[in-house]
Structures are given as structure tokens and as C-alpha cells.
Amino acid sequence: MVGATGTGKSDLAIAVADRFREQGRRAEVVNADAMQFYRGMDIGTAKVPPGERHGIPHHQLDVLDVTDEASVAAYQRDARATIERITGDGGVAVLVGGSGLYVSSVLYELDFPGTDPDLRAELERAHEQHGPNALLARLRELDPAAAATIDARNPRRLIRAVEIASRSDRVTTSLPSAPQAWRPATVLRLHREREQLVSALHARAARMFADGLVDEVAALRERGLEQGRTARAAIGYSQALEVLHGTSTLDEAVEATGIATRKYARRQVSWFRRYAEAQVLDVTENDRGDLSALARRIVP
């Protein structure tokens, strides 16, 4: 179950698992949202609280500390092992999330090279000394296709892309035009009309801060958030850190988070449109009260 942030994937996944349970089949949810891997990152990732999961087991949630770096290769290994265990016992695995590469790493036959610590350190120094433009120019020489799609404002992804492109055993970390499926799956792509989605995303940003995101980030700082390469850059968390540093007001952070989320949603929509086999489910006019009816459409 894929789609942009704000389309209701997590709640619908639980409703679908409930529907399977009504039919006497066990279903479990496997998370594919990279920021929900992190313990303590709850408000800003819209993680469904345990008490609202209807007793449905969830996997690949709260598996990393904020000082850890998420790895798509490790996730692919662990998520596939979880899915094989669930389905091997006759259950249904509901993979749900909006992190395109992580979803694709499970659905399709994608290989990921390991990390070269020396090369990574060299590239990190280059980024620190010269900024992203020098690395982006290097990536254009090595892999023009990757350079055309990379978000150069994301240092971790830019450095990783240059690292992969620099290696003799490199493989692409983008989705091939005709990917080969890992195993049979029904893929649902949730769609919400842009005008409604944009409004919902800005409202969500305001709600996150009203619900205590700055306090959550303050607590995570004590656990090393600012030393974590991945977690500290998460949308909402980086803006909340600016509030704590005194370089941004709360209103400015809310606005910046809404804008960043909107841009991220646009990239998500672009990525998931390439899932040719996906069934599109329009949720534009739906709300949480419609989940049971939607679940019955998906699981008759």
C-alpha cells in the first residue's frame, strides 16, 4: 500500500488487516516508512500509537536509535524475512509506507552495494569543505541519470549516490523501467487530488507542532538526535531543531515543514506512478470514517 504522505496509508492498512481477520485470515503490517524506523520519532512521523493498531502486529517500527543510519540493504533483508515468516504461516503481509526506495527494495529485485567507509569519509569531507555543488558535478560525470533525479539538498543521499557511482560494482538505486517482482503482490496506490492533499499537509504540519513535536525533539536531542545523519534531517525534526536553536520561530517552522512536506509528497507521487501494476485507489473524498467501507472494497 503506497502513496504520498497524507493519503491515509497507515490507517487503511490496519483496516485492511482487520478485514482479513474478519474473514478468518491473519494479517500483519510491515512498515516501509524510513523515518518510522526510529524509536521516539512518533509525532513527526505520524506513527499510529499502539493503542490504535487494533491488535494488529506491526513490524519494522522502532527498530533504530536516532544515532543509527538507516540502510535500505539491511531493510530489504529484514523486511523480506518478516514477510516470508508471515506468509509462510499462512498469513497476509501488508507492506505500507511512502519511502519509495524502501518499498521498491522489497517489491522488486534490486541489489544494493555495501558501504566503503574510506570512500564515504572522503566524500563527507568534500561535502563539508566544498558544499554540494562539487559532488553534484562529480555525480553528473559518473552517472548523469542519477544526477538528474538526486535531491542535492539532502547530503546523505548525495554522498551515497556519488559513493555508488564511484564504485566498479555499482548498481542503480533508482527504479528500473521494467523491474522484476520479488514475489507476487497486490499493489495499491492511494491517490488524493492535489488541492485537498496540499491543504491537508499544511494542516498536518501545524497539528504536529501543536501536539508537541518540539518537546519530542528536545527529548531526542538528549538521546543523540543531532549526531544521527538520517534522523536529524527528517522533515519536521530539522525544523523543530531550528526552533530549539533559536534560529526559527514556531510559526516559521510550521510553514517550512508544510512546504518541505508538500515537495516530498510531489516526489512520492512521481516515484509511485512508475508502479505500472498498481491499482489506483482514489481517497480524495474519504476520511477515517470511511475506512471500513474502503477495506471491504479491497478485500471483498
C-alpha atoms as a PDB file:
ATOM      1  CA  MET A   1       0.000   0.000   0.000  1.00  0.00           C
ATOM      2  CA  VAL A   2       1.790   3.099  -1.253  1.00  0.00           C
ATOM      3  CA  GLY A   3       1.136   6.764  -1.881  1.00  0.00           C
ATOM      4  CA  ALA A   4       2.092  10.239  -0.806  1.00  0.00           C
ATOM      5  CA  THR A   5       2.248  11.440   2.769  1.00  0.00           C
ATOM      6  CA  GLY A   6      -1.227  12.402   3.935  1.00  0.00           C
ATOM      7  CA  THR A   7      -3.218   9.848   1.941  1.00  0.00           C
ATOM      8  CA  GLY A   8      -4.076   7.694   4.972  1.00  0.00           C
ATOM      9  CA  LYS A   9      -1.967   4.634   4.204  1.00  0.00           C
ATOM     10  CA  SER A  10      -1.313   3.561   7.800  1.00  0.00           C
ATOM     11  CA  ASP A  11      -4.938   3.714   8.927  1.00  0.00           C
ATOM     12  CA  LEU A  12      -6.153   1.949   5.798  1.00  0.00           C
ATOM     13  CA  ALA A  13      -3.537  -0.794   6.213  1.00  0.00           C
ATOM     14  CA  ILE A  14      -4.934  -1.501   9.687  1.00  0.00           C
ATOM     15  CA  ALA A  15      -8.498  -1.523   8.333  1.00  0.00           C
ATOM     16  CA  VAL A  16      -7.481  -3.984   5.609  1.00  0.00           C
ATOM     17  CA  ALA A  17      -5.771  -6.242   8.158  1.00  0.00           C
ATOM     18  CA  ASP A  18      -8.948  -6.062  10.261  1.00  0.00           C
ATOM     19  CA  ARG A  19     -10.974  -7.106   7.229  1.00  0.00           C
ATOM     20  CA  PHE A  20      -8.756 -10.142   6.678  1.00  0.00           C
ATOM     21  CA  ARG A  21      -9.194 -11.008  10.354  1.00  0.00           C
ATOM     22  CA  GLU A  22     -12.984 -10.851   9.939  1.00  0.00           C
ATOM     23  CA  GLN A  23     -12.605 -13.462   7.217  1.00  0.00           C
ATOM     24  CA  GLY A  24     -10.553 -15.712   9.470  1.00  0.00           C
ATOM     25  CA  ARG A  25      -7.143 -14.839   7.975  1.00  0.00           C
ATOM     26  CA  ARG A  26      -4.259 -13.442   9.967  1.00  0.00           C
ATOM     27  CA  ALA A  27      -2.727 -10.247   8.605  1.00  0.00           C
ATOM     28  CA  GLU A  28       0.258  -8.265   9.875  1.00  0.00           C
ATOM     29  CA  VAL A  29       1.589  -4.849   8.873  1.00  0.00           C
ATOM     30  CA  VAL A  30       5.166  -4.309   7.688  1.00  0.00           C
ATOM     31  CA  ASN A  31       6.299  -0.684   7.803  1.00  0.00           C
ATOM     32  CA  ALA A  32       8.097   0.888   4.819  1.00  0.00           C
ATOM     33  CA  ASP A  33       8.375   4.458   6.097  1.00  0.00           C
ATOM     34  CA  ALA A  34      12.072   5.060   6.743  1.00  0.00           C
ATOM     35  CA  MET A  35      11.507   7.665   9.470  1.00  0.00           C
ATOM     36  CA  GLN A  36       9.200   5.354  11.405  1.00  0.00           C
ATOM     37  CA  PHE A  37      12.147   3.017  11.938  1.00  0.00           C
ATOM     38  CA  TYR A  38      13.326   5.348  14.692  1.00  0.00           C
ATOM     39  CA  ARG A  39      12.404   4.920  18.330  1.00  0.00           C
ATOM     40  CA  GLY A  40      10.911   8.067  19.808  1.00  0.00           C
ATOM     41  CA  MET A  41      10.141   9.698  16.462  1.00  0.00           C
ATOM     42  CA  ASP A  42       6.393   9.436  16.809  1.00  0.00           C
ATOM     43  CA  ILE A  43       4.613  12.772  16.400  1.00  0.00           C
ATOM     44  CA  GLY A  44       6.571  13.983  13.381  1.00  0.00           C
ATOM     45  CA  THR A  45       6.235  10.678  11.514  1.00  0.00           C
ATOM     46  CA  ALA A  46       2.502  10.233  12.250  1.00  0.00           C
ATOM     47  CA  LYS A  47       3.237   6.825  13.740  1.00  0.00           C
ATOM     48  CA  VAL A  48      -0.007   5.071  14.703  1.00  0.00           C
ATOM     49  CA  PRO A  49       0.027   4.671  18.521  1.00  0.00           C
ATOM     50  CA  PRO A  50      -0.008   1.042  19.753  1.00  0.00           C
ATOM     51  CA  GLY A  51      -3.458   1.501  21.267  1.00  0.00           C
ATOM     52  CA  GLU A  52      -4.893   2.397  17.844  1.00  0.00           C
ATOM     53  CA  ARG A  53      -3.477  -0.581  15.950  1.00  0.00           C
ATOM     54  CA  HIS A  54      -6.484  -2.815  16.724  1.00  0.00           C
ATOM     55  CA  GLY A  55      -4.183  -5.556  17.959  1.00  0.00           C
ATOM     56  CA  ILE A  56      -2.646  -5.945  14.508  1.00  0.00           C
ATOM     57  CA  PRO A  57       1.074  -6.826  14.778  1.00  0.00           C
ATOM     58  CA  HIS A  58       3.370  -4.201  13.250  1.00  0.00           C
ATOM     59  CA  HIS A  59       6.937  -4.821  12.099  1.00  0.00           C
ATOM     60  CA  GLN A  60       9.900  -2.605  11.175  1.00  0.00           C
ATOM     61  CA  LEU A  61       8.728   0.093  13.576  1.00  0.00           C
ATOM     62  CA  ASP A  62      11.007   1.409  16.342  1.00  0.00           C
ATOM     63  CA  VAL A  63      13.961  -0.707  15.233  1.00  0.00           C
ATOM     64  CA  LEU A  64      16.659   2.002  15.203  1.00  0.00           C
ATOM     65  CA  ASP A  65      18.078   4.571  17.595  1.00  0.00           C
ATOM     66  CA  VAL A  66      18.215   8.154  16.338  1.00  0.00           C
ATOM     67  CA  THR A  67      22.005   7.881  16.123  1.00  0.00           C
ATOM     68  CA  ASP A  68      21.748   4.954  13.688  1.00  0.00           C
ATOM     69  CA  GLU A  69      21.819   5.366   9.916  1.00  0.00           C
ATOM     70  CA  ALA A  70      19.023   3.694   8.011  1.00  0.00           C
ATOM     71  CA  SER A  71      20.200   1.227   5.373  1.00  0.00           C
ATOM     72  CA  VAL A  72      17.987   0.137   2.512  1.00  0.00           C
ATOM     73  CA  ALA A  73      20.058  -3.039   2.078  1.00  0.00           C
ATOM     74  CA  ALA A  74      19.519  -4.009   5.732  1.00  0.00           C
ATOM     75  CA  TYR A  75      15.852  -3.112   5.493  1.00  0.00           C
ATOM     76  CA  GLN A  76      15.396  -5.226   2.366  1.00  0.00           C
ATOM     77  CA  ARG A  77      16.893  -8.225   4.156  1.00  0.00           C
ATOM     78  CA  ASP A  78      14.897  -7.798   7.355  1.00  0.00           C
ATOM     79  CA  ALA A  79      11.550  -6.846   5.787  1.00  0.00           C
ATOM     80  CA  ARG A  80      11.659  -9.752   3.345  1.00  0.00           C
ATOM     81  CA  ALA A  81      12.488 -12.162   6.165  1.00  0.00           C
ATOM     82  CA  THR A  82       9.496 -10.843   8.120  1.00  0.00           C
ATOM     83  CA  ILE A  83       7.196 -11.197   5.108  1.00  0.00           C
ATOM     84  CA  GLU A  84       8.383 -14.741   4.472  1.00  0.00           C
ATOM     85  CA  ARG A  85       7.677 -15.653   8.089  1.00  0.00           C
ATOM     86  CA  ILE A  86       4.171 -14.136   7.973  1.00  0.00           C
ATOM     87  CA  THR A  87       3.170 -15.705   4.664  1.00  0.00           C
ATOM     88  CA  GLY A  88       4.928 -18.965   5.425  1.00  0.00           C
ATOM     89  CA  ASP A  89       2.465 -19.488   8.283  1.00  0.00           C
ATOM     90  CA  GLY A  90      -0.483 -18.723   6.007  1.00  0.00           C
ATOM     91  CA  GLY A  91      -0.815 -15.066   6.943  1.00  0.00           C
ATOM     92  CA  VAL A  92      -1.080 -11.937   4.832  1.00  0.00           C
ATOM     93  CA  ALA A  93       1.677  -9.326   4.934  1.00  0.00           C
ATOM     94  CA  VAL A  94       0.510  -5.744   4.387  1.00  0.00           C
ATOM     95  CA  LEU A  95       3.537  -3.678   3.339  1.00  0.00           C
ATOM     96  CA  VAL A  96       2.768   0.003   3.826  1.00  0.00           C
ATOM     97  CA  GLY A  97       4.794   3.182   3.500  1.00  0.00           C
ATOM     98  CA  GLY A  98       5.803   6.132   1.418  1.00  0.00           C
ATOM     99  CA  SER A  99       9.587   5.719   1.238  1.00  0.00           C
ATOM    100  CA  GLY A 100       9.835   4.762  -2.425  1.00  0.00           C
ATOM    101  CA  LEU A 101      13.232   3.092  -2.471  1.00  0.00           C
ATOM    102  CA  TYR A 102      12.468   1.070   0.649  1.00  0.00           C
ATOM    103  CA  VAL A 103       9.142  -0.147  -0.737  1.00  0.00           C
ATOM    104  CA  SER A 104      10.788  -0.977  -4.061  1.00  0.00           C
ATOM    105  CA  SER A 105      13.618  -2.864  -2.352  1.00  0.00           C
ATOM    106  CA  VAL A 106      11.032  -5.344  -1.092  1.00  0.00           C
ATOM    107  CA  LEU A 107       8.722  -5.496  -4.101  1.00  0.00           C
ATOM    108  CA  TYR A 108      11.370  -5.783  -6.799  1.00  0.00           C
ATOM    109  CA  GLU A 109      14.691  -7.466  -7.472  1.00  0.00           C
ATOM    110  CA  LEU A 110      17.019  -4.597  -6.606  1.00  0.00           C
ATOM    111  CA  ASP A 111      20.588  -5.074  -5.383  1.00  0.00           C
ATOM    112  CA  PHE A 112      22.429  -2.605  -3.183  1.00  0.00           C
ATOM    113  CA  PRO A 113      26.207  -2.392  -2.800  1.00  0.00           C
ATOM    114  CA  GLY A 114      27.742  -2.193   0.648  1.00  0.00           C
ATOM    115  CA  THR A 115      29.372   0.896   2.064  1.00  0.00           C
ATOM    116  CA  ASP A 116      33.037   1.753   1.521  1.00  0.00           C
ATOM    117  CA  PRO A 117      33.991   3.533   4.783  1.00  0.00           C
ATOM    118  CA  ASP A 118      37.115   5.198   3.356  1.00  0.00           C
ATOM    119  CA  LEU A 119      35.339   6.497   0.273  1.00  0.00           C
ATOM    120  CA  ARG A 120      32.371   7.621   2.357  1.00  0.00           C
ATOM    121  CA  ALA A 121      34.669   9.565   4.715  1.00  0.00           C
ATOM    122  CA  GLU A 122      36.407  11.207   1.749  1.00  0.00           C
ATOM    123  CA  LEU A 123      33.091  12.298   0.249  1.00  0.00           C
ATOM    124  CA  GLU A 124      31.821  13.621   3.573  1.00  0.00           C
ATOM    125  CA  ARG A 125      34.952  15.749   3.911  1.00  0.00           C
ATOM    126  CA  ALA A 126      34.498  17.031   0.352  1.00  0.00           C
ATOM    127  CA  HIS A 127      30.897  17.971   1.079  1.00  0.00           C
ATOM    128  CA  GLU A 128      31.882  19.766   4.285  1.00  0.00           C
ATOM    129  CA  GLN A 129      34.701  21.686   2.606  1.00  0.00           C
ATOM    130  CA  HIS A 130      33.193  22.463  -0.796  1.00  0.00           C
ATOM    131  CA  GLY A 131      29.447  22.041  -0.417  1.00  0.00           C
ATOM    132  CA  PRO A 132      27.033  20.018  -2.576  1.00  0.00           C
ATOM    133  CA  ASN A 133      27.805  21.556  -5.981  1.00  0.00           C
ATOM    134  CA  ALA A 134      31.209  19.917  -6.329  1.00  0.00           C
ATOM    135  CA  LEU A 135      29.785  16.492  -5.509  1.00  0.00           C
ATOM    136  CA  LEU A 136      26.839  17.051  -7.820  1.00  0.00           C
ATOM    137  CA  ALA A 137      29.234  17.890 -10.665  1.00  0.00           C
ATOM    138  CA  ARG A 138      31.155  14.690  -9.917  1.00  0.00           C
ATOM    139  CA  LEU A 139      27.931  12.693  -9.963  1.00  0.00           C
ATOM    140  CA  ARG A 140      26.972  14.195 -13.342  1.00  0.00           C
ATOM    141  CA  GLU A 141      30.232  12.894 -14.793  1.00  0.00           C
ATOM    142  CA  LEU A 142      29.833   9.423 -13.284  1.00  0.00           C
ATOM    143  CA  ASP A 143      26.086   8.868 -13.563  1.00  0.00           C
ATOM    144  CA  PRO A 144      24.093  11.599 -15.366  1.00  0.00           C
ATOM    145  CA  ALA A 145      20.792   9.779 -14.820  1.00  0.00           C
ATOM    146  CA  ALA A 146      21.290   9.670 -11.051  1.00  0.00           C
ATOM    147  CA  ALA A 147      22.397  13.307 -11.018  1.00  0.00           C
ATOM    148  CA  ALA A 148      19.205  14.340 -12.794  1.00  0.00           C
ATOM    149  CA  THR A 149      16.982  12.889 -10.071  1.00  0.00           C
ATOM    150  CA  ILE A 150      19.027  13.346  -6.883  1.00  0.00           C
ATOM    151  CA  ASP A 151      17.935  15.857  -4.250  1.00  0.00           C
ATOM    152  CA  ALA A 152      21.229  17.726  -3.858  1.00  0.00           C
ATOM    153  CA  ARG A 153      19.901  19.388  -0.714  1.00  0.00           C
ATOM    154  CA  ASN A 154      19.991  16.028   1.038  1.00  0.00           C
ATOM    155  CA  PRO A 155      23.696  15.481   1.892  1.00  0.00           C
ATOM    156  CA  ARG A 156      23.269  11.851   2.897  1.00  0.00           C
ATOM    157  CA  ARG A 157      21.629  10.847  -0.369  1.00  0.00           C
ATOM    158  CA  LEU A 158      24.004  12.911  -2.478  1.00  0.00           C
ATOM    159  CA  ILE A 159      27.055  11.394  -0.813  1.00  0.00           C
ATOM    160  CA  ARG A 160      25.612   7.893  -1.128  1.00  0.00           C
ATOM    161  CA  ALA A 161      24.851   8.412  -4.820  1.00  0.00           C
ATOM    162  CA  VAL A 162      28.405   9.559  -5.536  1.00  0.00           C
ATOM    163  CA  GLU A 163      29.777   6.659  -3.500  1.00  0.00           C
ATOM    164  CA  ILE A 164      27.789   4.132  -5.526  1.00  0.00           C
ATOM    165  CA  ALA A 165      28.615   5.788  -8.846  1.00  0.00           C
ATOM    166  CA  SER A 166      32.319   5.772  -7.969  1.00  0.00           C
ATOM    167  CA  ARG A 167      32.481   2.025  -7.433  1.00  0.00           C
ATOM    168  CA  SER A 168      33.162  -0.677 -10.003  1.00  0.00           C
ATOM    169  CA  ASP A 169      30.347  -2.850  -8.589  1.00  0.00           C
ATOM    170  CA  ARG A 170      27.790  -0.073  -8.717  1.00  0.00           C
ATOM    171  CA  VAL A 171      24.119  -0.737  -9.237  1.00  0.00           C
ATOM    172  CA  THR A 172      21.410   1.838  -9.667  1.00  0.00           C
ATOM    173  CA  THR A 173      19.373   2.933  -6.668  1.00  0.00           C
ATOM    174  CA  SER A 174      16.552   4.144  -8.884  1.00  0.00           C
ATOM    175  CA  LEU A 175      13.646   2.044 -10.086  1.00  0.00           C
ATOM    176  CA  PRO A 176      14.311   0.304 -13.436  1.00  0.00           C
ATOM    177  CA  SER A 177      11.840   0.916 -16.249  1.00  0.00           C
ATOM    178  CA  ALA A 178      10.727  -2.736 -16.117  1.00  0.00           C
ATOM    179  CA  PRO A 179      11.510  -4.033 -12.600  1.00  0.00           C
ATOM    180  CA  GLN A 180      11.261  -7.745 -11.861  1.00  0.00           C
ATOM    181  CA  ALA A 181       8.959  -8.649  -8.982  1.00  0.00           C
ATOM    182  CA  TRP A 182      10.468 -10.377  -5.953  1.00  0.00           C
ATOM    183  CA  ARG A 183       7.228 -12.325  -5.451  1.00  0.00           C
ATOM    184  CA  PRO A 184       3.554 -11.881  -6.421  1.00  0.00           C
ATOM    185  CA  ALA A 185       1.885  -8.940  -4.700  1.00  0.00           C
ATOM    186  CA  THR A 186      -1.213  -6.788  -4.995  1.00  0.00           C
ATOM    187  CA  VAL A 187      -0.096  -3.156  -5.082  1.00  0.00           C
ATOM    188  CA  LEU A 188      -2.497  -0.364  -4.166  1.00  0.00           C
ATOM    189  CA  ARG A 189      -1.530   3.250  -4.871  1.00  0.00           C
ATOM    190  CA  LEU A 190      -3.553   5.758  -2.892  1.00  0.00           C
ATOM    191  CA  HIS A 191      -4.365   8.988  -4.707  1.00  0.00           C
ATOM    192  CA  ARG A 192      -5.688  12.255  -3.316  1.00  0.00           C
ATOM    193  CA  GLU A 193      -6.370  15.273  -5.508  1.00  0.00           C
ATOM    194  CA  ARG A 194      -3.573  17.798  -5.176  1.00  0.00           C
ATOM    195  CA  GLU A 195      -5.638  20.702  -3.852  1.00  0.00           C
ATOM    196  CA  GLN A 196      -7.029  18.632  -0.987  1.00  0.00           C
ATOM    197  CA  LEU A 197      -3.669  16.981  -0.313  1.00  0.00           C
ATOM    198  CA  VAL A 198      -1.747  20.269  -0.086  1.00  0.00           C
ATOM    199  CA  SER A 199      -4.302  21.675   2.344  1.00  0.00           C
ATOM    200  CA  ALA A 200      -4.130  18.512   4.455  1.00  0.00           C
ATOM    201  CA  LEU A 201      -0.325  18.548   4.545  1.00  0.00           C
ATOM    202  CA  HIS A 202      -0.125  22.102   5.842  1.00  0.00           C
ATOM    203  CA  ALA A 203      -2.789  21.328   8.442  1.00  0.00           C
ATOM    204  CA  ARG A 204      -0.809  18.246   9.419  1.00  0.00           C
ATOM    205  CA  ALA A 205       2.344  20.311   9.906  1.00  0.00           C
ATOM    206  CA  ALA A 206       0.513  22.697  12.231  1.00  0.00           C
ATOM    207  CA  ARG A 207      -1.014  19.788  14.143  1.00  0.00           C
ATOM    208  CA  MET A 208       2.372  18.105  14.663  1.00  0.00           C
ATOM    209  CA  PHE A 209       3.807  21.182  16.336  1.00  0.00           C
ATOM    210  CA  ALA A 210       0.615  21.731  18.344  1.00  0.00           C
ATOM    211  CA  ASP A 211       0.819  18.128  19.550  1.00  0.00           C
ATOM    212  CA  GLY A 212       4.298  18.668  20.988  1.00  0.00           C
ATOM    213  CA  LEU A 213       6.824  17.999  18.227  1.00  0.00           C
ATOM    214  CA  VAL A 214       9.315  20.499  19.651  1.00  0.00           C
ATOM    215  CA  ASP A 215       9.180  18.755  23.048  1.00  0.00           C
ATOM    216  CA  GLU A 216       9.642  15.382  21.337  1.00  0.00           C
ATOM    217  CA  VAL A 217      12.706  16.695  19.504  1.00  0.00           C
ATOM    218  CA  ALA A 218      14.097  18.208  22.705  1.00  0.00           C
ATOM    219  CA  ALA A 219      13.911  14.766  24.329  1.00  0.00           C
ATOM    220  CA  LEU A 220      15.511  13.129  21.297  1.00  0.00           C
ATOM    221  CA  ARG A 221      18.416  15.587  21.465  1.00  0.00           C
ATOM    222  CA  GLU A 222      19.269  14.024  24.805  1.00  0.00           C
ATOM    223  CA  ARG A 223      19.479  10.675  23.001  1.00  0.00           C
ATOM    224  CA  GLY A 224      21.824  11.965  20.299  1.00  0.00           C
ATOM    225  CA  LEU A 225      19.456  13.152  17.574  1.00  0.00           C
ATOM    226  CA  GLU A 226      21.896  15.760  16.296  1.00  0.00           C
ATOM    227  CA  GLN A 227      24.579  13.120  15.854  1.00  0.00           C
ATOM    228  CA  GLY A 228      22.357  10.964  13.657  1.00  0.00           C
ATOM    229  CA  ARG A 229      22.802  11.548   9.934  1.00  0.00           C
ATOM    230  CA  THR A 230      19.380  10.274   8.907  1.00  0.00           C
ATOM    231  CA  ALA A 231      17.065  11.093  11.785  1.00  0.00           C
ATOM    232  CA  ARG A 232      18.115  14.705  12.289  1.00  0.00           C
ATOM    233  CA  ALA A 233      17.303  15.518   8.640  1.00  0.00           C
ATOM    234  CA  ALA A 234      13.706  14.235   8.825  1.00  0.00           C
ATOM    235  CA  ILE A 235      11.020  16.704   7.793  1.00  0.00           C
ATOM    236  CA  GLY A 236       9.640  18.397  10.882  1.00  0.00           C
ATOM    237  CA  TYR A 237      12.561  17.320  13.034  1.00  0.00           C
ATOM    238  CA  SER A 238      15.127  19.544  11.353  1.00  0.00           C
ATOM    239  CA  GLN A 239      12.666  22.461  11.579  1.00  0.00           C
ATOM    240  CA  ALA A 240      11.973  21.760  15.257  1.00  0.00           C
ATOM    241  CA  LEU A 241      15.723  21.711  15.908  1.00  0.00           C
ATOM    242  CA  GLU A 242      15.916  25.214  14.452  1.00  0.00           C
ATOM    243  CA  VAL A 243      13.278  26.339  16.934  1.00  0.00           C
ATOM    244  CA  LEU A 244      15.317  24.851  19.785  1.00  0.00           C
ATOM    245  CA  HIS A 245      18.458  26.540  18.448  1.00  0.00           C
ATOM    246  CA  GLY A 246      16.631  29.863  18.336  1.00  0.00           C
ATOM    247  CA  THR A 247      17.160  30.299  14.597  1.00  0.00           C
ATOM    248  CA  SER A 248      13.471  29.923  13.723  1.00  0.00           C
ATOM    249  CA  THR A 249      10.156  30.858  15.280  1.00  0.00           C
ATOM    250  CA  LEU A 250       7.442  28.284  15.786  1.00  0.00           C
ATOM    251  CA  ASP A 251       5.322  29.803  13.023  1.00  0.00           C
ATOM    252  CA  GLU A 252       8.289  29.780  10.632  1.00  0.00           C
ATOM    253  CA  ALA A 253       8.965  26.138  11.479  1.00  0.00           C
ATOM    254  CA  VAL A 254       5.360  25.167  10.810  1.00  0.00           C
ATOM    255  CA  GLU A 255       5.415  26.925   7.453  1.00  0.00           C
ATOM    256  CA  ALA A 256       8.781  25.433   6.465  1.00  0.00           C
ATOM    257  CA  THR A 257       7.595  21.953   7.452  1.00  0.00           C
ATOM    258  CA  GLY A 258       4.449  22.315   5.366  1.00  0.00           C
ATOM    259  CA  ILE A 259       6.443  23.413   2.322  1.00  0.00           C
ATOM    260  CA  ALA A 260       9.013  20.610   2.730  1.00  0.00           C
ATOM    261  CA  THR A 261       6.255  18.020   3.150  1.00  0.00           C
ATOM    262  CA  ARG A 262       4.495  19.257   0.019  1.00  0.00           C
ATOM    263  CA  LYS A 263       7.694  18.954  -2.018  1.00  0.00           C
ATOM    264  CA  TYR A 264       8.334  15.468  -0.616  1.00  0.00           C
ATOM    265  CA  ALA A 265       4.788  14.390  -1.485  1.00  0.00           C
ATOM    266  CA  ARG A 266       5.363  15.542  -5.057  1.00  0.00           C
ATOM    267  CA  ARG A 267       8.443  13.299  -5.299  1.00  0.00           C
ATOM    268  CA  GLN A 268       6.497  10.399  -3.802  1.00  0.00           C
ATOM    269  CA  VAL A 269       3.727  10.760  -6.359  1.00  0.00           C
ATOM    270  CA  SER A 270       6.300  10.777  -9.159  1.00  0.00           C
ATOM    271  CA  TRP A 271       8.025   7.654  -7.824  1.00  0.00           C
ATOM    272  CA  PHE A 272       4.904   5.565  -7.292  1.00  0.00           C
ATOM    273  CA  ARG A 273       3.402   6.457 -10.660  1.00  0.00           C
ATOM    274  CA  ARG A 274       6.066   4.178 -12.112  1.00  0.00           C
ATOM    275  CA  TYR A 275       4.448   1.167 -10.436  1.00  0.00           C
ATOM    276  CA  ALA A 276       2.728   0.041 -13.619  1.00  0.00           C
ATOM    277  CA  GLU A 277       0.941  -2.854 -11.950  1.00  0.00           C
ATOM    278  CA  ALA A 278      -0.550  -0.761  -9.131  1.00  0.00           C
ATOM    279  CA  GLN A 279      -4.289  -0.427  -8.712  1.00  0.00           C
ATOM    280  CA  VAL A 280      -5.127   3.237  -8.098  1.00  0.00           C
ATOM    281  CA  LEU A 281      -7.467   3.916  -5.194  1.00  0.00           C
ATOM    282  CA  ASP A 282      -8.828   7.470  -5.113  1.00  0.00           C
ATOM    283  CA  VAL A 283      -9.227   8.568  -1.487  1.00  0.00           C
ATOM    284  CA  THR A 284      -9.890  12.243  -2.220  1.00  0.00           C
ATOM    285  CA  GLU A 285     -13.282  12.386  -0.542  1.00  0.00           C
ATOM    286  CA  ASN A 286     -12.630   9.730   2.087  1.00  0.00           C
ATOM    287  CA  ASP A 287     -11.908  10.238   5.757  1.00  0.00           C
ATOM    288  CA  ARG A 288     -11.168   7.879   8.650  1.00  0.00           C
ATOM    289  CA  GLY A 289     -14.878   7.086   8.961  1.00  0.00           C
ATOM    290  CA  ASP A 290     -14.831   5.517   5.505  1.00  0.00           C
ATOM    291  CA  LEU A 291     -12.013   3.055   6.209  1.00  0.00           C
ATOM    292  CA  SER A 292     -14.199   0.001   6.797  1.00  0.00           C
ATOM    293  CA  ALA A 293     -16.015   0.538   3.517  1.00  0.00           C
ATOM    294  CA  LEU A 294     -12.719   1.007   1.687  1.00  0.00           C
ATOM    295  CA  ALA A 295     -11.318  -2.144   3.284  1.00  0.00           C
ATOM    296  CA  ARG A 296     -14.348  -4.138   2.088  1.00  0.00           C
ATOM    297  CA  ARG A 297     -13.715  -2.887  -1.461  1.00  0.00           C
ATOM    298  CA  ILE A 298     -10.102  -4.051  -1.235  1.00  0.00           C
ATOM    299  CA  VAL A 299     -10.881  -7.370   0.492  1.00  0.00           C
ATOM    300  CA  PRO A 300     -14.422  -8.334  -0.699  1.00  0.00           C
END
